[in-house]
Amino acid sequence: MDWIQILFFAAFLLVPAWLFYGRYKHGSWTGSFLGGRIVRTLGEITLSSGFSSSKIEVHAMHGDTGEPDFVGLVFVAKAPLAASINPHKLTKVQAIQLASLLAKAAK
């Protein structure tokens, strides 16, 4: 085996190992992607239904060591044979600003 094959197989094994370690450490895929642990799920809003579905999940999250708590906003889209998770990390100030903007837009 030459070095290129060894590096390829090492990367092929290390990337999934790193992903599953983050899943184990943070307790969920959302926590792994955002770098924190879900304290509680505040709710979800279903955007569409039928053949494909989308929803927005809101989580109160505890940051890793030394990081402040934050709000996790996760956009989830599902379709047959496909799924997408788009997580966003908001500080508490940003979450309050977003809530204010949404309230203004809904009037």
PDB file of N, CA and C in Angstrom:
ATOM      1  N   MET A   1       0.849  -1.199   0.000  1.00  0.00           N
ATOM      2  CA  MET A   1       0.000   0.000   0.000  1.00  0.00           C
ATOM      3  C   MET A   1       0.879   1.241   0.000  1.00  0.00           C
ATOM      4  N   ASP A   2       0.484   2.186  -0.773  1.00  0.00           N
ATOM      5  CA  ASP A   2       1.233   3.433  -0.750  1.00  0.00           C
ATOM      6  C   ASP A   2       0.551   4.415   0.207  1.00  0.00           C
ATOM      7  N   TRP A   3       1.189   5.541   0.432  1.00  0.00           N
ATOM      8  CA  TRP A   3       0.730   6.509   1.426  1.00  0.00           C
ATOM      9  C   TRP A   3      -0.619   7.127   1.085  1.00  0.00           C
ATOM     10  N   ILE A   4      -0.919   7.300  -0.172  1.00  0.00           N
ATOM     11  CA  ILE A   4      -2.195   7.902  -0.563  1.00  0.00           C
ATOM     12  C   ILE A   4      -3.359   7.002  -0.157  1.00  0.00           C
ATOM     13  N   GLN A   5      -3.221   5.704  -0.364  1.00  0.00           N
ATOM     14  CA  GLN A   5      -4.273   4.773   0.037  1.00  0.00           C
ATOM     15  C   GLN A   5      -4.431   4.738   1.547  1.00  0.00           C
ATOM     16  N   ILE A   6      -3.326   4.777   2.261  1.00  0.00           N
ATOM     17  CA  ILE A   6      -3.391   4.774   3.729  1.00  0.00           C
ATOM     18  C   ILE A   6      -4.094   6.030   4.230  1.00  0.00           C
ATOM     19  N   LEU A   7      -3.740   7.187   3.681  1.00  0.00           N
ATOM     20  CA  LEU A   7      -4.388   8.438   4.086  1.00  0.00           C
ATOM     21  C   LEU A   7      -5.872   8.436   3.733  1.00  0.00           C
ATOM     22  N   PHE A   8      -6.213   7.892   2.573  1.00  0.00           N
ATOM     23  CA  PHE A   8      -7.622   7.823   2.173  1.00  0.00           C
ATOM     24  C   PHE A   8      -8.416   6.973   3.155  1.00  0.00           C
ATOM     25  N   PHE A   9      -7.921   5.792   3.478  1.00  0.00           N
ATOM     26  CA  PHE A   9      -8.641   4.920   4.406  1.00  0.00           C
ATOM     27  C   PHE A   9      -8.686   5.498   5.816  1.00  0.00           C
ATOM     28  N   ALA A  10      -7.627   6.184   6.230  1.00  0.00           N
ATOM     29  CA  ALA A  10      -7.626   6.826   7.546  1.00  0.00           C
ATOM     30  C   ALA A  10      -8.702   7.910   7.599  1.00  0.00           C
ATOM     31  N   ALA A  11      -8.795   8.739   6.568  1.00  0.00           N
ATOM     32  CA  ALA A  11      -9.825   9.779   6.524  1.00  0.00           C
ATOM     33  C   ALA A  11     -11.210   9.144   6.434  1.00  0.00           C
ATOM     34  N   PHE A  12     -11.318   8.076   5.671  1.00  0.00           N
ATOM     35  CA  PHE A  12     -12.589   7.372   5.505  1.00  0.00           C
ATOM     36  C   PHE A  12     -13.089   6.825   6.841  1.00  0.00           C
ATOM     37  N   LEU A  13     -12.201   6.449   7.731  1.00  0.00           N
ATOM     38  CA  LEU A  13     -12.583   5.928   9.039  1.00  0.00           C
ATOM     39  C   LEU A  13     -12.709   7.013  10.103  1.00  0.00           C
ATOM     40  N   LEU A  14     -11.875   8.051  10.025  1.00  0.00           N
ATOM     41  CA  LEU A  14     -11.875   9.084  11.062  1.00  0.00           C
ATOM     42  C   LEU A  14     -13.075  10.023  10.990  1.00  0.00           C
ATOM     43  N   VAL A  15     -13.541  10.346   9.806  1.00  0.00           N
ATOM     44  CA  VAL A  15     -14.672  11.275   9.683  1.00  0.00           C
ATOM     45  C   VAL A  15     -15.938  10.693  10.325  1.00  0.00           C
ATOM     46  N   PRO A  16     -16.359   9.469  10.011  1.00  0.00           N
ATOM     47  CA  PRO A  16     -17.532   8.923  10.700  1.00  0.00           C
ATOM     48  C   PRO A  16     -17.305   8.745  12.204  1.00  0.00           C
ATOM     49  N   ALA A  17     -16.081   8.372  12.591  1.00  0.00           N
ATOM     50  CA  ALA A  17     -15.786   8.221  14.018  1.00  0.00           C
ATOM     51  C   ALA A  17     -15.954   9.556  14.743  1.00  0.00           C
ATOM     52  N   TRP A  18     -15.485  10.637  14.120  1.00  0.00           N
ATOM     53  CA  TRP A  18     -15.624  11.969  14.711  1.00  0.00           C
ATOM     54  C   TRP A  18     -17.101  12.358  14.826  1.00  0.00           C
ATOM     55  N   LEU A  19     -17.903  12.073  13.786  1.00  0.00           N
ATOM     56  CA  LEU A  19     -19.336  12.391  13.823  1.00  0.00           C
ATOM     57  C   LEU A  19     -20.053  11.618  14.932  1.00  0.00           C
ATOM     58  N   PHE A  20     -19.772  10.331  15.056  1.00  0.00           N
ATOM     59  CA  PHE A  20     -20.434   9.533  16.084  1.00  0.00           C
ATOM     60  C   PHE A  20     -19.944   9.880  17.480  1.00  0.00           C
ATOM     61  N   TYR A  21     -18.694  10.300  17.629  1.00  0.00           N
ATOM     62  CA  TYR A  21     -18.216  10.766  18.924  1.00  0.00           C
ATOM     63  C   TYR A  21     -18.975  12.021  19.355  1.00  0.00           C
ATOM     64  N   GLY A  22     -19.173  12.961  18.426  1.00  0.00           N
ATOM     65  CA  GLY A  22     -19.951  14.166  18.741  1.00  0.00           C
ATOM     66  C   GLY A  22     -21.373  13.824  19.110  1.00  0.00           C
ATOM     67  N   ARG A  23     -21.969  12.852  18.435  1.00  0.00           N
ATOM     68  CA  ARG A  23     -23.335  12.400  18.746  1.00  0.00           C
ATOM     69  C   ARG A  23     -23.394  11.826  20.158  1.00  0.00           C
ATOM     70  N   TYR A  24     -22.391  11.027  20.514  1.00  0.00           N
ATOM     71  CA  TYR A  24     -22.327  10.432  21.847  1.00  0.00           C
ATOM     72  C   TYR A  24     -22.080  11.497  22.917  1.00  0.00           C
ATOM     73  N   LYS A  25     -21.164  12.418  22.661  1.00  0.00           N
ATOM     74  CA  LYS A  25     -20.791  13.443  23.640  1.00  0.00           C
ATOM     75  C   LYS A  25     -21.939  14.392  23.943  1.00  0.00           C
ATOM     76  N   HIS A  26     -22.692  14.815  22.903  1.00  0.00           N
ATOM     77  CA  HIS A  26     -23.732  15.815  23.080  1.00  0.00           C
ATOM     78  C   HIS A  26     -25.137  15.231  23.215  1.00  0.00           C
ATOM     79  N   GLY A  27     -25.291  13.940  22.968  1.00  0.00           N
ATOM     80  CA  GLY A  27     -26.569  13.286  23.203  1.00  0.00           C
ATOM     81  C   GLY A  27     -27.567  13.338  22.067  1.00  0.00           C
ATOM     82  N   SER A  28     -27.269  14.061  21.007  1.00  0.00           N
ATOM     83  CA  SER A  28     -28.179  14.140  19.855  1.00  0.00           C
ATOM     84  C   SER A  28     -27.396  14.670  18.662  1.00  0.00           C
ATOM     85  N   TRP A  29     -27.960  14.458  17.470  1.00  0.00           N
ATOM     86  CA  TRP A  29     -27.318  15.009  16.272  1.00  0.00           C
ATOM     87  C   TRP A  29     -27.355  16.532  16.309  1.00  0.00           C
ATOM     88  N   THR A  30     -28.477  17.106  16.770  1.00  0.00           N
ATOM     89  CA  THR A  30     -28.587  18.563  16.867  1.00  0.00           C
ATOM     90  C   THR A  30     -27.521  19.114  17.800  1.00  0.00           C
ATOM     91  N   GLY A  31     -27.369  18.502  18.964  1.00  0.00           N
ATOM     92  CA  GLY A  31     -26.345  18.933  19.899  1.00  0.00           C
ATOM     93  C   GLY A  31     -24.954  18.804  19.322  1.00  0.00           C
ATOM     94  N   SER A  32     -24.726  17.748  18.583  1.00  0.00           N
ATOM     95  CA  SER A  32     -23.421  17.541  17.960  1.00  0.00           C
ATOM     96  C   SER A  32     -23.119  18.625  16.930  1.00  0.00           C
ATOM     97  N   PHE A  33     -24.093  18.957  16.091  1.00  0.00           N
ATOM     98  CA  PHE A  33     -23.873  19.965  15.054  1.00  0.00           C
ATOM     99  C   PHE A  33     -23.719  21.371  15.638  1.00  0.00           C
ATOM    100  N   LEU A  34     -24.400  21.654  16.750  1.00  0.00           N
ATOM    101  CA  LEU A  34     -24.349  22.993  17.342  1.00  0.00           C
ATOM    102  C   LEU A  34     -23.326  23.121  18.465  1.00  0.00           C
ATOM    103  N   GLY A  35     -22.792  22.034  18.954  1.00  0.00           N
ATOM    104  CA  GLY A  35     -21.782  22.096  20.004  1.00  0.00           C
ATOM    105  C   GLY A  35     -22.348  22.333  21.381  1.00  0.00           C
ATOM    106  N   GLY A  36     -23.427  21.660  21.721  1.00  0.00           N
ATOM    107  CA  GLY A  36     -24.032  21.794  23.041  1.00  0.00           C
ATOM    108  C   GLY A  36     -25.008  20.661  23.294  1.00  0.00           C
ATOM    109  N   ARG A  37     -25.593  20.657  24.480  1.00  0.00           N
ATOM    110  CA  ARG A  37     -26.543  19.620  24.859  1.00  0.00           C
ATOM    111  C   ARG A  37     -27.939  20.237  24.965  1.00  0.00           C
ATOM    112  N   ILE A  38     -28.946  19.552  24.435  1.00  0.00           N
ATOM    113  CA  ILE A  38     -30.322  20.036  24.507  1.00  0.00           C
ATOM    114  C   ILE A  38     -30.808  19.929  25.945  1.00  0.00           C
ATOM    115  N   VAL A  39     -31.198  21.070  26.525  1.00  0.00           N
ATOM    116  CA  VAL A  39     -31.764  21.091  27.864  1.00  0.00           C
ATOM    117  C   VAL A  39     -33.239  20.737  27.785  1.00  0.00           C
ATOM    118  N   ARG A  40     -33.945  21.385  26.872  1.00  0.00           N
ATOM    119  CA  ARG A  40     -35.352  21.054  26.632  1.00  0.00           C
ATOM    120  C   ARG A  40     -35.751  21.535  25.245  1.00  0.00           C
ATOM    121  N   THR A  41     -36.705  20.830  24.684  1.00  0.00           N
ATOM    122  CA  THR A  41     -37.265  21.227  23.399  1.00  0.00           C
ATOM    123  C   THR A  41     -38.510  22.056  23.683  1.00  0.00           C
ATOM    124  N   LEU A  42     -38.519  23.281  23.186  1.00  0.00           N
ATOM    125  CA  LEU A  42     -39.616  24.190  23.478  1.00  0.00           C
ATOM    126  C   LEU A  42     -40.801  23.988  22.548  1.00  0.00           C
ATOM    127  N   GLY A  43     -40.564  23.439  21.381  1.00  0.00           N
ATOM    128  CA  GLY A  43     -41.659  23.178  20.461  1.00  0.00           C
ATOM    129  C   GLY A  43     -41.187  23.115  19.034  1.00  0.00           C
ATOM    130  N   GLU A  44     -42.140  22.855  18.169  1.00  0.00           N
ATOM    131  CA  GLU A  44     -41.849  22.799  16.744  1.00  0.00           C
ATOM    132  C   GLU A  44     -43.048  23.331  15.974  1.00  0.00           C
ATOM    133  N   ILE A  45     -42.770  23.858  14.806  1.00  0.00           N
ATOM    134  CA  ILE A  45     -43.802  24.397  13.926  1.00  0.00           C
ATOM    135  C   ILE A  45     -43.718  23.636  12.609  1.00  0.00           C
ATOM    136  N   THR A  46     -44.835  23.020  12.210  1.00  0.00           N
ATOM    137  CA  THR A  46     -44.879  22.307  10.942  1.00  0.00           C
ATOM    138  C   THR A  46     -45.185  23.292   9.827  1.00  0.00           C
ATOM    139  N   LEU A  47     -44.337  23.309   8.798  1.00  0.00           N
ATOM    140  CA  LEU A  47     -44.488  24.263   7.710  1.00  0.00           C
ATOM    141  C   LEU A  47     -45.253  23.684   6.527  1.00  0.00           C
ATOM    142  N   SER A  48     -45.110  22.395   6.282  1.00  0.00           N
ATOM    143  CA  SER A  48     -45.831  21.779   5.180  1.00  0.00           C
ATOM    144  C   SER A  48     -46.047  20.312   5.493  1.00  0.00           C
ATOM    145  N   SER A  49     -46.961  19.717   4.775  1.00  0.00           N
ATOM    146  CA  SER A  49     -47.216  18.296   4.984  1.00  0.00           C
ATOM    147  C   SER A  49     -47.544  17.668   3.637  1.00  0.00           C
ATOM    148  N   GLY A  50     -47.734  16.374   3.638  1.00  0.00           N
ATOM    149  CA  GLY A  50     -48.022  15.673   2.400  1.00  0.00           C
ATOM    150  C   GLY A  50     -46.827  14.884   1.941  1.00  0.00           C
ATOM    151  N   PHE A  51     -46.487  15.009   0.669  1.00  0.00           N
ATOM    152  CA  PHE A  51     -45.388  14.245   0.083  1.00  0.00           C
ATOM    153  C   PHE A  51     -44.059  14.541   0.771  1.00  0.00           C
ATOM    154  N   SER A  52     -43.793  15.801   1.034  1.00  0.00           N
ATOM    155  CA  SER A  52     -42.607  16.192   1.790  1.00  0.00           C
ATOM    156  C   SER A  52     -43.046  17.073   2.948  1.00  0.00           C
ATOM    157  N   SER A  53     -42.242  17.126   3.977  1.00  0.00           N
ATOM    158  CA  SER A  53     -42.615  17.922   5.136  1.00  0.00           C
ATOM    159  C   SER A  53     -41.417  18.732   5.616  1.00  0.00           C
ATOM    160  N   SER A  54     -41.727  19.849   6.208  1.00  0.00           N
ATOM    161  CA  SER A  54     -40.704  20.715   6.788  1.00  0.00           C
ATOM    162  C   SER A  54     -41.191  21.184   8.150  1.00  0.00           C
ATOM    163  N   LYS A  55     -40.257  21.382   9.048  1.00  0.00           N
ATOM    164  CA  LYS A  55     -40.620  21.908  10.356  1.00  0.00           C
ATOM    165  C   LYS A  55     -39.447  22.682  10.934  1.00  0.00           C
ATOM    166  N   ILE A  56     -39.763  23.542  11.888  1.00  0.00           N
ATOM    167  CA  ILE A  56     -38.758  24.303  12.618  1.00  0.00           C
ATOM    168  C   ILE A  56     -38.841  23.867  14.071  1.00  0.00           C
ATOM    169  N   GLU A  57     -37.734  23.444  14.624  1.00  0.00           N
ATOM    170  CA  GLU A  57     -37.668  23.038  16.026  1.00  0.00           C
ATOM    171  C   GLU A  57     -36.906  24.102  16.813  1.00  0.00           C
ATOM    172  N   VAL A  58     -37.368  24.362  18.048  1.00  0.00           N
ATOM    173  CA  VAL A  58     -36.708  25.337  18.914  1.00  0.00           C
ATOM    174  C   VAL A  58     -36.247  24.613  20.177  1.00  0.00           C
ATOM    175  N   HIS A  59     -34.957  24.723  20.487  1.00  0.00           N
ATOM    176  CA  HIS A  59     -34.370  24.034  21.626  1.00  0.00           C
ATOM    177  C   HIS A  59     -33.639  25.029  22.524  1.00  0.00           C
ATOM    178  N   ALA A  60     -33.809  24.889  23.843  1.00  0.00           N
ATOM    179  CA  ALA A  60     -32.952  25.583  24.805  1.00  0.00           C
ATOM    180  C   ALA A  60     -31.744  24.679  24.997  1.00  0.00           C
ATOM    181  N   MET A  61     -30.538  25.243  24.817  1.00  0.00           N
ATOM    182  CA  MET A  61     -29.342  24.411  24.818  1.00  0.00           C
ATOM    183  C   MET A  61     -28.302  24.920  25.805  1.00  0.00           C
ATOM    184  N   HIS A  62     -27.545  23.963  26.342  1.00  0.00           N
ATOM    185  CA  HIS A  62     -26.448  24.258  27.256  1.00  0.00           C
ATOM    186  C   HIS A  62     -25.146  24.144  26.474  1.00  0.00           C
ATOM    187  N   GLY A  63     -24.348  25.194  26.483  1.00  0.00           N
ATOM    188  CA  GLY A  63     -23.102  25.203  25.727  1.00  0.00           C
ATOM    189  C   GLY A  63     -22.050  24.302  26.338  1.00  0.00           C
ATOM    190  N   ASP A  64     -21.026  23.992  25.549  1.00  0.00           N
ATOM    191  CA  ASP A  64     -19.895  23.219  26.057  1.00  0.00           C
ATOM    192  C   ASP A  64     -19.213  23.994  27.179  1.00  0.00           C
ATOM    193  N   THR A  65     -18.223  23.394  27.787  1.00  0.00           N
ATOM    194  CA  THR A  65     -17.512  24.000  28.901  1.00  0.00           C
ATOM    195  C   THR A  65     -17.015  25.392  28.533  1.00  0.00           C
ATOM    196  N   GLY A  66     -17.415  26.385  29.323  1.00  0.00           N
ATOM    197  CA  GLY A  66     -16.983  27.752  29.094  1.00  0.00           C
ATOM    198  C   GLY A  66     -17.862  28.547  28.151  1.00  0.00           C
ATOM    199  N   GLU A  67     -18.784  27.914  27.457  1.00  0.00           N
ATOM    200  CA  GLU A  67     -19.668  28.623  26.541  1.00  0.00           C
ATOM    201  C   GLU A  67     -20.985  28.934  27.237  1.00  0.00           C
ATOM    202  N   PRO A  68     -21.588  30.088  26.928  1.00  0.00           N
ATOM    203  CA  PRO A  68     -22.888  30.398  27.524  1.00  0.00           C
ATOM    204  C   PRO A  68     -23.993  29.550  26.899  1.00  0.00           C
ATOM    205  N   ASP A  69     -25.119  29.466  27.604  1.00  0.00           N
ATOM    206  CA  ASP A  69     -26.279  28.775  27.052  1.00  0.00           C
ATOM    207  C   ASP A  69     -26.779  29.530  25.827  1.00  0.00           C
ATOM    208  N   PHE A  70     -27.469  28.834  24.947  1.00  0.00           N
ATOM    209  CA  PHE A  70     -27.927  29.447  23.709  1.00  0.00           C
ATOM    210  C   PHE A  70     -29.217  28.798  23.253  1.00  0.00           C
ATOM    211  N   VAL A  71     -29.770  29.315  22.176  1.00  0.00           N
ATOM    212  CA  VAL A  71     -30.990  28.786  21.583  1.00  0.00           C
ATOM    213  C   VAL A  71     -30.618  28.088  20.278  1.00  0.00           C
ATOM    214  N   GLY A  72     -31.109  26.875  20.114  1.00  0.00           N
ATOM    215  CA  GLY A  72     -30.886  26.130  18.880  1.00  0.00           C
ATOM    216  C   GLY A  72     -32.138  26.182  18.027  1.00  0.00           C
ATOM    217  N   LEU A  73     -31.992  26.616  16.806  1.00  0.00           N
ATOM    218  CA  LEU A  73     -33.093  26.693  15.847  1.00  0.00           C
ATOM    219  C   LEU A  73     -32.745  25.726  14.726  1.00  0.00           C
ATOM    220  N   VAL A  74     -33.596  24.709  14.517  1.00  0.00           N
ATOM    221  CA  VAL A  74     -33.277  23.653  13.559  1.00  0.00           C
ATOM    222  C   VAL A  74     -34.374  23.568  12.512  1.00  0.00           C
ATOM    223  N   PHE A  75     -33.980  23.706  11.252  1.00  0.00           N
ATOM    224  CA  PHE A  75     -34.904  23.537  10.130  1.00  0.00           C
ATOM    225  C   PHE A  75     -34.739  22.104   9.628  1.00  0.00           C
ATOM    226  N   VAL A  76     -35.832  21.345   9.641  1.00  0.00           N
ATOM    227  CA  VAL A  76     -35.805  19.941   9.239  1.00  0.00           C
ATOM    228  C   VAL A  76     -36.708  19.771   8.027  1.00  0.00           C
ATOM    229  N   ALA A  77     -36.177  19.187   6.967  1.00  0.00           N
ATOM    230  CA  ALA A  77     -36.962  18.893   5.765  1.00  0.00           C
ATOM    231  C   ALA A  77     -36.847  17.404   5.483  1.00  0.00           C
ATOM    232  N   LYS A  78     -37.987  16.766   5.227  1.00  0.00           N
ATOM    233  CA  LYS A  78     -38.001  15.333   4.941  1.00  0.00           C
ATOM    234  C   LYS A  78     -38.799  15.072   3.682  1.00  0.00           C
ATOM    235  N   ALA A  79     -38.310  14.137   2.897  1.00  0.00           N
ATOM    236  CA  ALA A  79     -38.982  13.677   1.684  1.00  0.00           C
ATOM    237  C   ALA A  79     -38.634  12.202   1.527  1.00  0.00           C
ATOM    238  N   PRO A  80     -39.345  11.485   0.670  1.00  0.00           N
ATOM    239  CA  PRO A  80     -38.985  10.086   0.470  1.00  0.00           C
ATOM    240  C   PRO A  80     -37.526   9.958   0.009  1.00  0.00           C
ATOM    241  N   LEU A  81     -36.777   9.136   0.705  1.00  0.00           N
ATOM    242  CA  LEU A  81     -35.362   8.871   0.423  1.00  0.00           C
ATOM    243  C   LEU A  81     -34.453  10.090   0.605  1.00  0.00           C
ATOM    244  N   ALA A  82     -34.904  11.105   1.341  1.00  0.00           N
ATOM    245  CA  ALA A  82     -34.070  12.287   1.562  1.00  0.00           C
ATOM    246  C   ALA A  82     -34.442  12.958   2.881  1.00  0.00           C
ATOM    247  N   ALA A  83     -33.472  13.604   3.477  1.00  0.00           N
ATOM    248  CA  ALA A  83     -33.705  14.392   4.688  1.00  0.00           C
ATOM    249  C   ALA A  83     -32.629  15.463   4.775  1.00  0.00           C
ATOM    250  N   SER A  84     -32.981  16.570   5.398  1.00  0.00           N
ATOM    251  CA  SER A  84     -32.042  17.670   5.551  1.00  0.00           C
ATOM    252  C   SER A  84     -32.233  18.299   6.925  1.00  0.00           C
ATOM    253  N   ILE A  85     -31.137  18.535   7.610  1.00  0.00           N
ATOM    254  CA  ILE A  85     -31.162  19.225   8.901  1.00  0.00           C
ATOM    255  C   ILE A  85     -30.271  20.448   8.766  1.00  0.00           C
ATOM    256  N   ASN A  86     -30.832  21.624   9.073  1.00  0.00           N
ATOM    257  CA  ASN A  86     -30.083  22.869   8.974  1.00  0.00           C
ATOM    258  C   ASN A  86     -30.122  23.554  10.335  1.00  0.00           C
ATOM    259  N   PRO A  87     -29.136  23.298  11.221  1.00  0.00           N
ATOM    260  CA  PRO A  87     -29.149  23.879  12.564  1.00  0.00           C
ATOM    261  C   PRO A  87     -28.539  25.277  12.595  1.00  0.00           C
ATOM    262  N   HIS A  88     -29.091  26.108  13.476  1.00  0.00           N
ATOM    263  CA  HIS A  88     -28.573  27.465  13.666  1.00  0.00           C
ATOM    264  C   HIS A  88     -28.449  27.726  15.160  1.00  0.00           C
ATOM    265  N   LYS A  89     -27.356  28.364  15.532  1.00  0.00           N
ATOM    266  CA  LYS A  89     -27.044  28.671  16.920  1.00  0.00           C
ATOM    267  C   LYS A  89     -27.300  30.157  17.145  1.00  0.00           C
ATOM    268  N   LEU A  90     -28.217  30.485  18.056  1.00  0.00           N
ATOM    269  CA  LEU A  90     -28.543  31.881  18.356  1.00  0.00           C
ATOM    270  C   LEU A  90     -28.191  32.190  19.807  1.00  0.00           C
ATOM    271  N   THR A  91     -27.568  33.337  20.027  1.00  0.00           N
ATOM    272  CA  THR A  91     -27.394  33.787  21.403  1.00  0.00           C
ATOM    273  C   THR A  91     -28.754  34.181  21.938  1.00  0.00           C
ATOM    274  N   LYS A  92     -28.833  34.382  23.240  1.00  0.00           N
ATOM    275  CA  LYS A  92     -30.124  34.767  23.812  1.00  0.00           C
ATOM    276  C   LYS A  92     -30.576  36.130  23.292  1.00  0.00           C
ATOM    277  N   VAL A  93     -29.648  37.044  23.072  1.00  0.00           N
ATOM    278  CA  VAL A  93     -29.972  38.366  22.532  1.00  0.00           C
ATOM    279  C   VAL A  93     -30.504  38.236  21.103  1.00  0.00           C
ATOM    280  N   GLN A  94     -29.852  37.414  20.293  1.00  0.00           N
ATOM    281  CA  GLN A  94     -30.312  37.196  18.923  1.00  0.00           C
ATOM    282  C   GLN A  94     -31.696  36.552  18.893  1.00  0.00           C
ATOM    283  N   ALA A  95     -31.956  35.623  19.813  1.00  0.00           N
ATOM    284  CA  ALA A  95     -33.269  34.974  19.875  1.00  0.00           C
ATOM    285  C   ALA A  95     -34.364  35.986  20.227  1.00  0.00           C
ATOM    286  N   ILE A  96     -34.074  36.894  21.132  1.00  0.00           N
ATOM    287  CA  ILE A  96     -35.043  37.939  21.493  1.00  0.00           C
ATOM    288  C   ILE A  96     -35.278  38.873  20.306  1.00  0.00           C
ATOM    289  N   GLN A  97     -34.224  39.236  19.591  1.00  0.00           N
ATOM    290  CA  GLN A  97     -34.367  40.085  18.405  1.00  0.00           C
ATOM    291  C   GLN A  97     -35.196  39.395  17.330  1.00  0.00           C
ATOM    292  N   LEU A  98     -34.962  38.111  17.103  1.00  0.00           N
ATOM    293  CA  LEU A  98     -35.732  37.351  16.120  1.00  0.00           C
ATOM    294  C   LEU A  98     -37.201  37.282  16.511  1.00  0.00           C
ATOM    295  N   ALA A  99     -37.483  37.036  17.786  1.00  0.00           N
ATOM    296  CA  ALA A  99     -38.868  36.990  18.255  1.00  0.00           C
ATOM    297  C   ALA A  99     -39.556  38.340  18.049  1.00  0.00           C
ATOM    298  N   SER A 100     -38.830  39.422  18.295  1.00  0.00           N
ATOM    299  CA  SER A 100     -39.376  40.753  18.099  1.00  0.00           C
ATOM    300  C   SER A 100     -39.688  41.008  16.620  1.00  0.00           C
ATOM    301  N   LEU A 101     -38.778  40.646  15.740  1.00  0.00           N
ATOM    302  CA  LEU A 101     -38.997  40.831  14.299  1.00  0.00           C
ATOM    303  C   LEU A 101     -40.178  39.991  13.801  1.00  0.00           C
ATOM    304  N   LEU A 102     -40.278  38.756  14.295  1.00  0.00           N
ATOM    305  CA  LEU A 102     -41.407  37.912  13.892  1.00  0.00           C
ATOM    306  C   LEU A 102     -42.733  38.471  14.388  1.00  0.00           C
ATOM    307  N   ALA A 103     -42.735  38.997  15.599  1.00  0.00           N
ATOM    308  CA  ALA A 103     -43.951  39.607  16.140  1.00  0.00           C
ATOM    309  C   ALA A 103     -44.367  40.825  15.319  1.00  0.00           C
ATOM    310  N   LYS A 104     -43.400  41.651  14.896  1.00  0.00           N
ATOM    311  CA  LYS A 104     -43.697  42.818  14.074  1.00  0.00           C
ATOM    312  C   LYS A 104     -44.240  42.402  12.707  1.00  0.00           C
ATOM    313  N   ALA A 105     -43.652  41.362  12.128  1.00  0.00           N
ATOM    314  CA  ALA A 105     -44.078  40.918  10.802  1.00  0.00           C
ATOM    315  C   ALA A 105     -45.466  40.302  10.843  1.00  0.00           C
ATOM    316  N   ALA A 106     -45.857  39.749  11.961  1.00  0.00           N
ATOM    317  CA  ALA A 106     -47.158  39.080  12.068  1.00  0.00           C
ATOM    318  C   ALA A 106     -48.303  40.068  12.303  1.00  0.00           C
ATOM    319  N   LYS A 107     -47.997  41.314  12.600  1.00  0.00           N
ATOM    320  CA  LYS A 107     -49.057  42.307  12.858  1.00  0.00           C
ATOM    321  C   LYS A 107     -49.679  42.767  11.580  1.00  0.00           C
TER     322      LYS A 107
END
